[in-house]
Structure formats: C-alpha cells, structure tokens
Amino acid sequence: MTHPMPEGESIRAAVRWISEERMDHPETNLVALVDAACIRFDLSPGDGEFLLRFVRENDR
C-alpha cells in the first residue's frame, strides 16, 4: 500500500534528499537518515513518521 505524498515542499525535499543519500551511502541506517531529514527540513513528528513509512514501503 502506498501513501499519497503530503502537501508541502519540505516533505518532498526530504524524500529527494533521503533518496540521494541512500544512493551515495546505501549502508546508512534508514532511521538515522529519516531523523537527519526531519532536522534538516524542519519536519514535524507526524511528518517524520510518514517519511519513515514512505521510504520503507518504497524500498521493496
């Protein structure tokens, strides 16, 4: 099941950033990347939870 992308450029930028980081550093822990993205893009805790679910589901 995929989740629709929430409104807002910050969450979209975070998804792009995580994707780029994972290509450059595939060994990096996903939770650590999401935490870093939340800080970098000033995301809410709810956005962080969404982001983690989103990247996990699209990782398959």
N, C-alpha and C. Protein backbone atom coordinates (compact mmCIF):
# COMPACT_ATOMS: atom_id res chain seq x y z
N MET A 1 0.85 -1.18 0.00
CA MET A 1 0.00 0.00 0.00
C MET A 1 0.89 1.23 0.00
N THR A 2 0.64 2.13 -0.92
CA THR A 2 1.41 3.36 -0.95
C THR A 2 0.60 4.48 -0.33
N HIS A 3 1.32 5.42 0.23
CA HIS A 3 0.69 6.57 0.85
C HIS A 3 0.79 7.75 -0.10
N PRO A 4 -0.27 8.55 -0.20
CA PRO A 4 -0.16 9.75 -1.03
C PRO A 4 0.83 10.71 -0.37
N MET A 5 1.55 11.44 -1.20
CA MET A 5 2.53 12.39 -0.69
C MET A 5 1.80 13.56 -0.04
N PRO A 6 2.17 13.89 1.19
CA PRO A 6 1.52 15.03 1.84
C PRO A 6 1.90 16.34 1.17
N GLU A 7 1.10 17.35 1.43
CA GLU A 7 1.36 18.67 0.89
C GLU A 7 2.63 19.24 1.51
N GLY A 8 3.28 20.08 0.78
CA GLY A 8 4.44 20.78 1.33
C GLY A 8 5.74 20.42 0.66
N GLU A 9 6.50 21.44 0.35
CA GLU A 9 7.78 21.23 -0.31
C GLU A 9 8.80 20.58 0.61
N SER A 10 8.71 20.82 1.91
CA SER A 10 9.71 20.28 2.84
C SER A 10 9.72 18.76 2.82
N ILE A 11 8.55 18.15 2.85
CA ILE A 11 8.50 16.69 2.86
C ILE A 11 8.99 16.12 1.53
N ARG A 12 8.66 16.79 0.43
CA ARG A 12 9.14 16.34 -0.87
C ARG A 12 10.67 16.46 -0.95
N ALA A 13 11.19 17.56 -0.43
CA ALA A 13 12.65 17.75 -0.43
C ALA A 13 13.31 16.68 0.43
N ALA A 14 12.68 16.33 1.53
CA ALA A 14 13.24 15.30 2.42
C ALA A 14 13.27 13.94 1.71
N VAL A 15 12.23 13.61 0.98
CA VAL A 15 12.20 12.35 0.23
C VAL A 15 13.31 12.34 -0.81
N ARG A 16 13.48 13.44 -1.53
CA ARG A 16 14.56 13.52 -2.52
C ARG A 16 15.93 13.37 -1.86
N TRP A 17 16.11 14.08 -0.74
CA TRP A 17 17.39 14.05 -0.04
C TRP A 17 17.72 12.63 0.44
N ILE A 18 16.74 11.97 1.05
CA ILE A 18 16.95 10.60 1.52
C ILE A 18 17.29 9.69 0.35
N SER A 19 16.60 9.83 -0.75
CA SER A 19 16.87 9.02 -1.93
C SER A 19 18.31 9.21 -2.40
N GLU A 20 18.76 10.45 -2.47
CA GLU A 20 20.13 10.73 -2.89
C GLU A 20 21.14 10.17 -1.90
N GLU A 21 20.87 10.34 -0.62
CA GLU A 21 21.79 9.84 0.41
C GLU A 21 21.89 8.32 0.36
N ARG A 22 20.78 7.65 0.10
CA ARG A 22 20.78 6.19 0.05
C ARG A 22 21.54 5.68 -1.17
N MET A 23 21.49 6.44 -2.27
CA MET A 23 22.26 6.04 -3.45
C MET A 23 23.76 6.21 -3.18
N ASP A 24 24.12 7.29 -2.51
CA ASP A 24 25.53 7.57 -2.23
C ASP A 24 26.08 6.72 -1.08
N HIS A 25 25.22 6.42 -0.11
CA HIS A 25 25.64 5.70 1.10
C HIS A 25 24.60 4.64 1.47
N PRO A 26 24.51 3.55 0.72
CA PRO A 26 23.46 2.55 0.95
C PRO A 26 23.55 1.86 2.31
N GLU A 27 24.69 1.93 2.95
CA GLU A 27 24.86 1.28 4.25
C GLU A 27 24.29 2.10 5.40
N THR A 28 23.95 3.35 5.15
CA THR A 28 23.45 4.22 6.22
C THR A 28 22.09 3.74 6.72
N ASN A 29 21.94 3.73 8.03
CA ASN A 29 20.70 3.30 8.67
C ASN A 29 19.54 4.20 8.25
N LEU A 30 18.44 3.58 7.85
CA LEU A 30 17.28 4.32 7.37
C LEU A 30 16.68 5.23 8.44
N VAL A 31 16.58 4.74 9.66
CA VAL A 31 16.01 5.56 10.74
C VAL A 31 16.89 6.78 10.99
N ALA A 32 18.20 6.60 10.93
CA ALA A 32 19.12 7.72 11.12
C ALA A 32 18.95 8.75 10.00
N LEU A 33 18.75 8.28 8.78
CA LEU A 33 18.52 9.21 7.67
C LEU A 33 17.22 9.99 7.85
N VAL A 34 16.18 9.31 8.27
CA VAL A 34 14.90 9.99 8.48
C VAL A 34 15.03 11.01 9.61
N ASP A 35 15.70 10.64 10.67
CA ASP A 35 15.91 11.59 11.77
C ASP A 35 16.68 12.82 11.28
N ALA A 36 17.72 12.58 10.49
CA ALA A 36 18.51 13.69 9.95
C ALA A 36 17.67 14.57 9.02
N ALA A 37 16.82 13.93 8.22
CA ALA A 37 15.95 14.68 7.31
C ALA A 37 14.95 15.53 8.09
N CYS A 38 14.43 15.00 9.18
CA CYS A 38 13.48 15.76 10.00
C CYS A 38 14.12 17.03 10.55
N ILE A 39 15.37 16.91 10.97
CA ILE A 39 16.08 18.09 11.48
C ILE A 39 16.42 19.04 10.34
N ARG A 40 16.96 18.49 9.28
CA ARG A 40 17.41 19.31 8.13
C ARG A 40 16.27 20.09 7.50
N PHE A 41 15.09 19.47 7.39
CA PHE A 41 13.97 20.09 6.70
C PHE A 41 12.88 20.58 7.65
N ASP A 42 13.18 20.57 8.95
CA ASP A 42 12.28 21.09 9.99
C ASP A 42 10.89 20.46 9.89
N LEU A 43 10.87 19.13 9.90
CA LEU A 43 9.61 18.40 9.78
C LEU A 43 9.01 18.11 11.15
N SER A 44 7.72 17.98 11.19
CA SER A 44 7.02 17.66 12.43
C SER A 44 7.20 16.17 12.74
N PRO A 45 6.92 15.76 13.97
CA PRO A 45 6.99 14.33 14.29
C PRO A 45 6.07 13.49 13.40
N GLY A 46 4.91 14.00 13.09
CA GLY A 46 3.99 13.29 12.21
C GLY A 46 4.56 13.14 10.81
N ASP A 47 5.22 14.19 10.32
CA ASP A 47 5.87 14.11 9.01
C ASP A 47 6.98 13.07 9.04
N GLY A 48 7.70 13.01 10.15
CA GLY A 48 8.78 12.04 10.29
C GLY A 48 8.25 10.61 10.25
N GLU A 49 7.14 10.37 10.92
CA GLU A 49 6.54 9.03 10.89
C GLU A 49 6.09 8.67 9.48
N PHE A 50 5.47 9.62 8.81
CA PHE A 50 5.06 9.39 7.43
C PHE A 50 6.27 9.07 6.57
N LEU A 51 7.31 9.87 6.73
CA LEU A 51 8.51 9.72 5.92
C LEU A 51 9.13 8.34 6.10
N LEU A 52 9.21 7.88 7.32
CA LEU A 52 9.77 6.56 7.59
C LEU A 52 8.93 5.46 6.93
N ARG A 53 7.60 5.54 7.09
CA ARG A 53 6.73 4.54 6.44
C ARG A 53 6.89 4.60 4.92
N PHE A 54 6.92 5.80 4.39
CA PHE A 54 7.01 6.00 2.95
C PHE A 54 8.27 5.38 2.36
N VAL A 55 9.42 5.69 2.97
CA VAL A 55 10.66 5.16 2.42
C VAL A 55 10.79 3.65 2.64
N ARG A 56 10.26 3.14 3.74
CA ARG A 56 10.30 1.70 3.96
C ARG A 56 9.46 0.96 2.91
N GLU A 57 8.26 1.48 2.64
CA GLU A 57 7.38 0.81 1.68
C GLU A 57 7.93 0.90 0.26
N ASN A 58 8.62 1.97 -0.06
CA ASN A 58 9.14 2.15 -1.40
C ASN A 58 10.54 1.57 -1.56
N ASP A 59 11.02 0.93 -0.52
CA ASP A 59 12.34 0.32 -0.54
C ASP A 59 12.28 -1.10 -1.10
N ARG A 60 11.13 -1.64 -1.22
CA ARG A 60 10.97 -3.04 -1.64
C ARG A 60 11.11 -3.21 -3.12
